[in-house]
PDB file of all heavy atoms in Angstrom:
ATOM      1  N   ILE A   1     182.654 148.770 146.099  1.00  0.00           N
ATOM      2  CA  ILE A   1     182.578 147.526 146.743  1.00  0.00           C
ATOM      3  C   ILE A   1     181.634 146.502 146.031  1.00  0.00           C
ATOM      4  O   ILE A   1     180.461 146.888 145.719  1.00  0.00           O
ATOM      5  CB  ILE A   1     182.112 147.637 148.223  1.00  0.00           C
ATOM      6  CG1 ILE A   1     183.112 148.571 149.000  1.00  0.00           C
ATOM      7  CG2 ILE A   1     182.013 146.372 148.939  1.00  0.00           C
ATOM      8  CD1 ILE A   1     182.583 149.075 150.359  1.00  0.00           C
ATOM      9  N   ALA A   2     182.135 145.300 145.908  1.00  0.00           N
ATOM     10  CA  ALA A   2     181.312 144.201 145.378  1.00  0.00           C
ATOM     11  C   ALA A   2     181.613 142.905 146.117  1.00  0.00           C
ATOM     12  O   ALA A   2     182.856 142.632 146.303  1.00  0.00           O
ATOM     13  CB  ALA A   2     181.507 143.979 143.891  1.00  0.00           C
ATOM     14  N   LEU A   3     180.694 142.238 146.601  1.00  0.00           N
ATOM     15  CA  LEU A   3     180.935 140.967 147.287  1.00  0.00           C
ATOM     16  C   LEU A   3     181.018 139.759 146.378  1.00  0.00           C
ATOM     17  O   LEU A   3     180.152 139.712 145.440  1.00  0.00           O
ATOM     18  CB  LEU A   3     179.813 140.690 148.348  1.00  0.00           C
ATOM     19  CG  LEU A   3     179.553 141.731 149.452  1.00  0.00           C
ATOM     20  CD1 LEU A   3     178.414 141.292 150.311  1.00  0.00           C
ATOM     21  CD2 LEU A   3     180.839 141.980 150.234  1.00  0.00           C
ATOM     22  N   ASP A   4     181.961 138.893 146.634  1.00  0.00           N
ATOM     23  CA  ASP A   4     182.109 137.750 145.817  1.00  0.00           C
ATOM     24  C   ASP A   4     181.103 136.697 146.350  1.00  0.00           C
ATOM     25  O   ASP A   4     181.049 136.462 147.578  1.00  0.00           O
ATOM     26  CB  ASP A   4     183.482 137.197 145.935  1.00  0.00           C
ATOM     27  CG  ASP A   4     183.829 136.069 144.909  1.00  0.00           C
ATOM     28  OD1 ASP A   4     182.926 135.826 144.080  1.00  0.00           O
ATOM     29  OD2 ASP A   4     184.914 135.552 144.990  1.00  0.00           O
ATOM     30  N   GLU A   5     180.307 136.081 145.480  1.00  0.00           N
ATOM     31  CA  GLU A   5     179.275 135.124 145.917  1.00  0.00           C
ATOM     32  C   GLU A   5     179.878 133.879 146.625  1.00  0.00           C
ATOM     33  O   GLU A   5     179.228 133.228 147.475  1.00  0.00           O
ATOM     34  CB  GLU A   5     178.425 134.640 144.681  1.00  0.00           C
ATOM     35  CG  GLU A   5     177.412 135.778 144.328  1.00  0.00           C
ATOM     36  CD  GLU A   5     177.191 135.794 142.816  1.00  0.00           C
ATOM     37  OE1 GLU A   5     177.603 134.865 142.120  1.00  0.00           O
ATOM     38  OE2 GLU A   5     176.559 136.792 142.379  1.00  0.00           O
ATOM     39  N   SER A   6     181.172 133.603 146.327  1.00  0.00           N
ATOM     40  CA  SER A   6     181.809 132.433 146.912  1.00  0.00           C
ATOM     41  C   SER A   6     182.069 132.717 148.463  1.00  0.00           C
ATOM     42  O   SER A   6     182.309 131.781 149.222  1.00  0.00           O
ATOM     43  CB  SER A   6     183.001 132.035 146.285  1.00  0.00           C
ATOM     44  OG  SER A   6     184.020 133.201 146.352  1.00  0.00           O
ATOM     45  N   GLU A   7     182.030 133.965 148.905  1.00  0.00           N
ATOM     46  CA  GLU A   7     182.276 134.279 150.280  1.00  0.00           C
ATOM     47  C   GLU A   7     180.942 134.137 151.084  1.00  0.00           C
ATOM     48  O   GLU A   7     181.058 134.274 152.357  1.00  0.00           O
ATOM     49  CB  GLU A   7     182.756 135.818 150.419  1.00  0.00           C
ATOM     50  CG  GLU A   7     184.148 136.058 149.828  1.00  0.00           C
ATOM     51  CD  GLU A   7     184.571 137.452 149.920  1.00  0.00           C
ATOM     52  OE1 GLU A   7     183.663 138.400 149.882  1.00  0.00           O
ATOM     53  OE2 GLU A   7     185.736 137.725 149.982  1.00  0.00           O
ATOM     54  N   ILE A   8     179.862 133.994 150.387  1.00  0.00           N
ATOM     55  CA  ILE A   8     178.601 133.859 151.151  1.00  0.00           C
ATOM     56  C   ILE A   8     178.168 132.340 151.134  1.00  0.00           C
ATOM     57  O   ILE A   8     178.143 131.713 150.178  1.00  0.00           O
ATOM     58  CB  ILE A   8     177.468 134.709 150.453  1.00  0.00           C
ATOM     59  CG1 ILE A   8     177.867 136.184 150.524  1.00  0.00           C
ATOM     60  CG2 ILE A   8     176.162 134.512 151.052  1.00  0.00           C
ATOM     61  CD1 ILE A   8     177.005 137.058 149.633  1.00  0.00           C
ATOM     62  N   GLU A   9     177.869 131.872 152.375  1.00  0.00           N
ATOM     63  CA  GLU A   9     177.436 130.510 152.531  1.00  0.00           C
ATOM     64  C   GLU A   9     176.049 130.434 152.999  1.00  0.00           C
ATOM     65  O   GLU A   9     175.642 131.211 153.914  1.00  0.00           O
ATOM     66  CB  GLU A   9     178.406 129.935 153.636  1.00  0.00           C
ATOM     67  CG  GLU A   9     178.296 128.466 153.898  1.00  0.00           C
ATOM     68  CD  GLU A   9     179.201 128.036 155.051  1.00  0.00           C
ATOM     69  OE1 GLU A   9     180.415 128.412 154.938  1.00  0.00           O
ATOM     70  OE2 GLU A   9     178.690 127.354 155.866  1.00  0.00           O
ATOM     71  N   GLU A  10     175.206 129.598 152.396  1.00  0.00           N
ATOM     72  CA  GLU A  10     173.827 129.467 152.745  1.00  0.00           C
ATOM     73  C   GLU A  10     173.548 128.089 153.348  1.00  0.00           C
ATOM     74  O   GLU A  10     174.078 127.143 152.879  1.00  0.00           O
ATOM     75  CB  GLU A  10     172.950 129.685 151.550  1.00  0.00           C
ATOM     76  CG  GLU A  10     172.911 131.113 150.968  1.00  0.00           C
ATOM     77  CD  GLU A  10     172.133 131.189 149.758  1.00  0.00           C
ATOM     78  OE1 GLU A  10     171.928 130.115 148.982  1.00  0.00           O
ATOM     79  OE2 GLU A  10     171.680 132.381 149.440  1.00  0.00           O
ATOM     80  N   GLN A  11     172.687 128.026 154.375  1.00  0.00           N
ATOM     81  CA  GLN A  11     172.262 126.803 154.951  1.00  0.00           C
ATOM     82  C   GLN A  11     170.778 126.905 155.091  1.00  0.00           C
ATOM     83  O   GLN A  11     170.286 127.913 155.590  1.00  0.00           O
ATOM     84  CB  GLN A  11     173.004 126.633 156.280  1.00  0.00           C
ATOM     85  CG  GLN A  11     172.737 125.269 156.882  1.00  0.00           C
ATOM     86  CD  GLN A  11     173.615 125.152 158.210  1.00  0.00           C
ATOM     87  OE1 GLN A  11     174.334 126.110 158.601  1.00  0.00           O
ATOM     88  NE2 GLN A  11     173.448 124.033 158.821  1.00  0.00           N
ATOM     89  N   PHE A  12     170.156 125.844 154.782  1.00  0.00           N
ATOM     90  CA  PHE A  12     168.640 125.852 154.881  1.00  0.00           C
ATOM     91  C   PHE A  12     168.262 125.016 156.092  1.00  0.00           C
ATOM     92  O   PHE A  12     168.667 123.892 156.317  1.00  0.00           O
ATOM     93  CB  PHE A  12     167.972 125.292 153.650  1.00  0.00           C
ATOM     94  CG  PHE A  12     168.312 126.129 152.414  1.00  0.00           C
ATOM     95  CD1 PHE A  12     169.305 125.708 151.517  1.00  0.00           C
ATOM     96  CD2 PHE A  12     167.741 127.325 152.144  1.00  0.00           C
ATOM     97  CE1 PHE A  12     169.697 126.430 150.402  1.00  0.00           C
ATOM     98  CE2 PHE A  12     168.102 128.127 151.054  1.00  0.00           C
ATOM     99  CZ  PHE A  12     169.001 127.637 150.176  1.00  0.00           C
ATOM    100  N   VAL A  13     167.419 125.645 156.929  1.00  0.00           N
ATOM    101  CA  VAL A  13     166.984 125.052 158.223  1.00  0.00           C
ATOM    102  C   VAL A  13     165.439 125.162 158.274  1.00  0.00           C
ATOM    103  O   VAL A  13     164.856 125.932 157.567  1.00  0.00           O
ATOM    104  CB  VAL A  13     167.570 125.815 159.410  1.00  0.00           C
ATOM    105  CG1 VAL A  13     169.082 125.489 159.487  1.00  0.00           C
ATOM    106  CG2 VAL A  13     167.347 127.320 159.456  1.00  0.00           C
ATOM    107  N   ARG A  14     164.909 124.502 159.231  1.00  0.00           N
ATOM    108  CA  ARG A  14     163.388 124.484 159.351  1.00  0.00           C
ATOM    109  C   ARG A  14     163.032 125.806 160.105  1.00  0.00           C
ATOM    110  O   ARG A  14     163.658 126.181 161.036  1.00  0.00           O
ATOM    111  CB  ARG A  14     162.937 123.302 160.267  1.00  0.00           C
ATOM    112  CG  ARG A  14     163.144 122.007 159.468  1.00  0.00           C
ATOM    113  CD  ARG A  14     162.242 120.941 159.889  1.00  0.00           C
ATOM    114  NE  ARG A  14     162.353 119.765 159.057  1.00  0.00           N
ATOM    115  CZ  ARG A  14     162.684 118.586 159.583  1.00  0.00           C
ATOM    116  NH1 ARG A  14     162.905 118.388 160.817  1.00  0.00           N
ATOM    117  NH2 ARG A  14     162.771 117.572 158.701  1.00  0.00           N
ATOM    118  N   ALA A  15     161.961 126.373 159.646  1.00  0.00           N
ATOM    119  CA  ALA A  15     161.446 127.591 160.138  1.00  0.00           C
ATOM    120  C   ALA A  15     160.468 127.408 161.194  1.00  0.00           C
ATOM    121  O   ALA A  15     159.794 126.398 161.289  1.00  0.00           O
ATOM    122  CB  ALA A  15     160.882 128.439 159.052  1.00  0.00           C
ATOM    123  N   SER A  16     160.382 128.460 162.109  1.00  0.00           N
ATOM    124  CA  SER A  16     159.327 128.371 163.172  1.00  0.00           C
ATOM    125  C   SER A  16     158.090 129.203 162.658  1.00  0.00           C
ATOM    126  O   SER A  16     158.227 129.944 161.646  1.00  0.00           O
ATOM    127  CB  SER A  16     159.894 128.920 164.438  1.00  0.00           C
ATOM    128  OG  SER A  16     160.263 130.231 164.221  1.00  0.00           O
ATOM    129  N   GLY A  17     157.075 129.180 163.336  1.00  0.00           N
ATOM    130  CA  GLY A  17     155.954 130.029 162.982  1.00  0.00           C
ATOM    131  C   GLY A  17     154.960 129.326 162.088  1.00  0.00           C
ATOM    132  O   GLY A  17     154.865 128.086 161.967  1.00  0.00           O
ATOM    133  N   PRO A  18     154.085 130.137 161.351  1.00  0.00           N
ATOM    134  CA  PRO A  18     153.039 129.614 160.596  1.00  0.00           C
ATOM    135  C   PRO A  18     153.513 128.730 159.365  1.00  0.00           C
ATOM    136  O   PRO A  18     154.600 128.929 158.918  1.00  0.00           O
ATOM    137  CB  PRO A  18     152.246 130.819 160.112  1.00  0.00           C
ATOM    138  CG  PRO A  18     153.223 131.929 160.100  1.00  0.00           C
ATOM    139  CD  PRO A  18     154.172 131.562 161.284  1.00  0.00           C
ATOM    140  N   GLY A  19     152.622 127.851 158.882  1.00  0.00           N
ATOM    141  CA  GLY A  19     152.999 127.059 157.805  1.00  0.00           C
ATOM    142  C   GLY A  19     152.362 125.664 157.847  1.00  0.00           C
ATOM    143  O   GLY A  19     152.566 124.839 156.910  1.00  0.00           O
ATOM    144  N   GLY A  20     151.720 125.363 158.920  1.00  0.00           N
ATOM    145  CA  GLY A  20     151.132 123.993 159.073  1.00  0.00           C
ATOM    146  C   GLY A  20     152.070 122.864 159.155  1.00  0.00           C
ATOM    147  O   GLY A  20     153.223 123.027 159.602  1.00  0.00           O
ATOM    148  N   GLN A  21     151.781 121.814 158.514  1.00  0.00           N
ATOM    149  CA  GLN A  21     152.622 120.594 158.470  1.00  0.00           C
ATOM    150  C   GLN A  21     153.874 120.950 157.615  1.00  0.00           C
ATOM    151  O   GLN A  21     154.938 120.295 157.826  1.00  0.00           O
ATOM    152  CB  GLN A  21     151.879 119.470 157.918  1.00  0.00           C
ATOM    153  CG  GLN A  21     150.962 118.794 158.954  1.00  0.00           C
ATOM    154  CD  GLN A  21     150.353 117.514 158.408  1.00  0.00           C
ATOM    155  OE1 GLN A  21     150.266 117.298 157.171  1.00  0.00           O
ATOM    156  NE2 GLN A  21     149.946 116.654 159.300  1.00  0.00           N
ATOM    157  N   ASN A  22     153.751 121.875 156.693  1.00  0.00           N
ATOM    158  CA  ASN A  22     154.844 122.185 155.872  1.00  0.00           C
ATOM    159  C   ASN A  22     156.023 122.570 156.659  1.00  0.00           C
ATOM    160  O   ASN A  22     157.244 122.237 156.267  1.00  0.00           O
ATOM    161  CB  ASN A  22     154.421 123.311 154.849  1.00  0.00           C
ATOM    162  CG  ASN A  22     155.382 123.480 153.690  1.00  0.00           C
ATOM    163  OD1 ASN A  22     155.585 122.448 153.098  1.00  0.00           O
ATOM    164  ND2 ASN A  22     155.715 124.629 153.425  1.00  0.00           N
ATOM    165  N   VAL A  23     155.799 123.262 157.727  1.00  0.00           N
ATOM    166  CA  VAL A  23     156.966 123.718 158.578  1.00  0.00           C
ATOM    167  C   VAL A  23     157.740 122.563 159.169  1.00  0.00           C
ATOM    168  O   VAL A  23     158.941 122.686 159.339  1.00  0.00           O
ATOM    169  CB  VAL A  23     156.348 124.590 159.776  1.00  0.00           C
ATOM    170  CG1 VAL A  23     157.050 124.378 161.059  1.00  0.00           C
ATOM    171  CG2 VAL A  23     156.480 126.042 159.444  1.00  0.00           C
ATOM    172  N   ASN A  24     157.133 121.387 159.439  1.00  0.00           N
ATOM    173  CA  ASN A  24     157.787 120.248 160.086  1.00  0.00           C
ATOM    174  C   ASN A  24     158.478 119.431 158.978  1.00  0.00           C
ATOM    175  O   ASN A  24     159.335 118.549 159.284  1.00  0.00           O
ATOM    176  CB  ASN A  24     156.751 119.346 160.726  1.00  0.00           C
ATOM    177  CG  ASN A  24     156.033 120.104 161.767  1.00  0.00           C
ATOM    178  OD1 ASN A  24     156.563 120.996 162.503  1.00  0.00           O
ATOM    179  ND2 ASN A  24     154.725 119.802 161.945  1.00  0.00           N
ATOM    180  N   LYS A  25     158.150 119.645 157.669  1.00  0.00           N
ATOM    181  CA  LYS A  25     158.765 118.789 156.616  1.00  0.00           C
ATOM    182  C   LYS A  25     159.824 119.456 155.794  1.00  0.00           C
ATOM    183  O   LYS A  25     160.796 118.825 155.359  1.00  0.00           O
ATOM    184  CB  LYS A  25     157.711 118.368 155.643  1.00  0.00           C
ATOM    185  CG  LYS A  25     156.601 117.453 156.353  1.00  0.00           C
ATOM    186  CD  LYS A  25     155.667 116.891 155.348  1.00  0.00           C
ATOM    187  CE  LYS A  25     154.810 118.003 154.693  1.00  0.00           C
ATOM    188  NZ  LYS A  25     153.783 117.457 153.776  1.00  0.00           N
ATOM    189  N   VAL A  26     159.661 120.809 155.568  1.00  0.00           N
ATOM    190  CA  VAL A  26     160.485 121.414 154.555  1.00  0.00           C
ATOM    191  C   VAL A  26     161.452 122.548 155.259  1.00  0.00           C
ATOM    192  O   VAL A  26     160.915 123.298 156.101  1.00  0.00           O
ATOM    193  CB  VAL A  26     159.621 122.134 153.534  1.00  0.00           C
ATOM    194  CG1 VAL A  26     160.466 122.777 152.404  1.00  0.00           C
ATOM    195  CG2 VAL A  26     158.696 121.174 152.869  1.00  0.00           C
ATOM    196  N   SER A  27     162.675 122.582 154.810  1.00  0.00           N
ATOM    197  CA  SER A  27     163.565 123.555 155.378  1.00  0.00           C
ATOM    198  C   SER A  27     163.542 124.823 154.547  1.00  0.00           C
ATOM    199  O   SER A  27     164.184 124.972 153.522  1.00  0.00           O
ATOM    200  CB  SER A  27     164.971 123.001 155.353  1.00  0.00           C
ATOM    201  OG  SER A  27     165.040 121.883 156.182  1.00  0.00           O
TER     202      SER A  27
END
């Protein structure tokens, strides 16, 4: 078994938890 990279979809969202102001600005 090998997965094709085109079958995987990535989405970047804002994280919760520690990180200071960075958490509010960067996904």
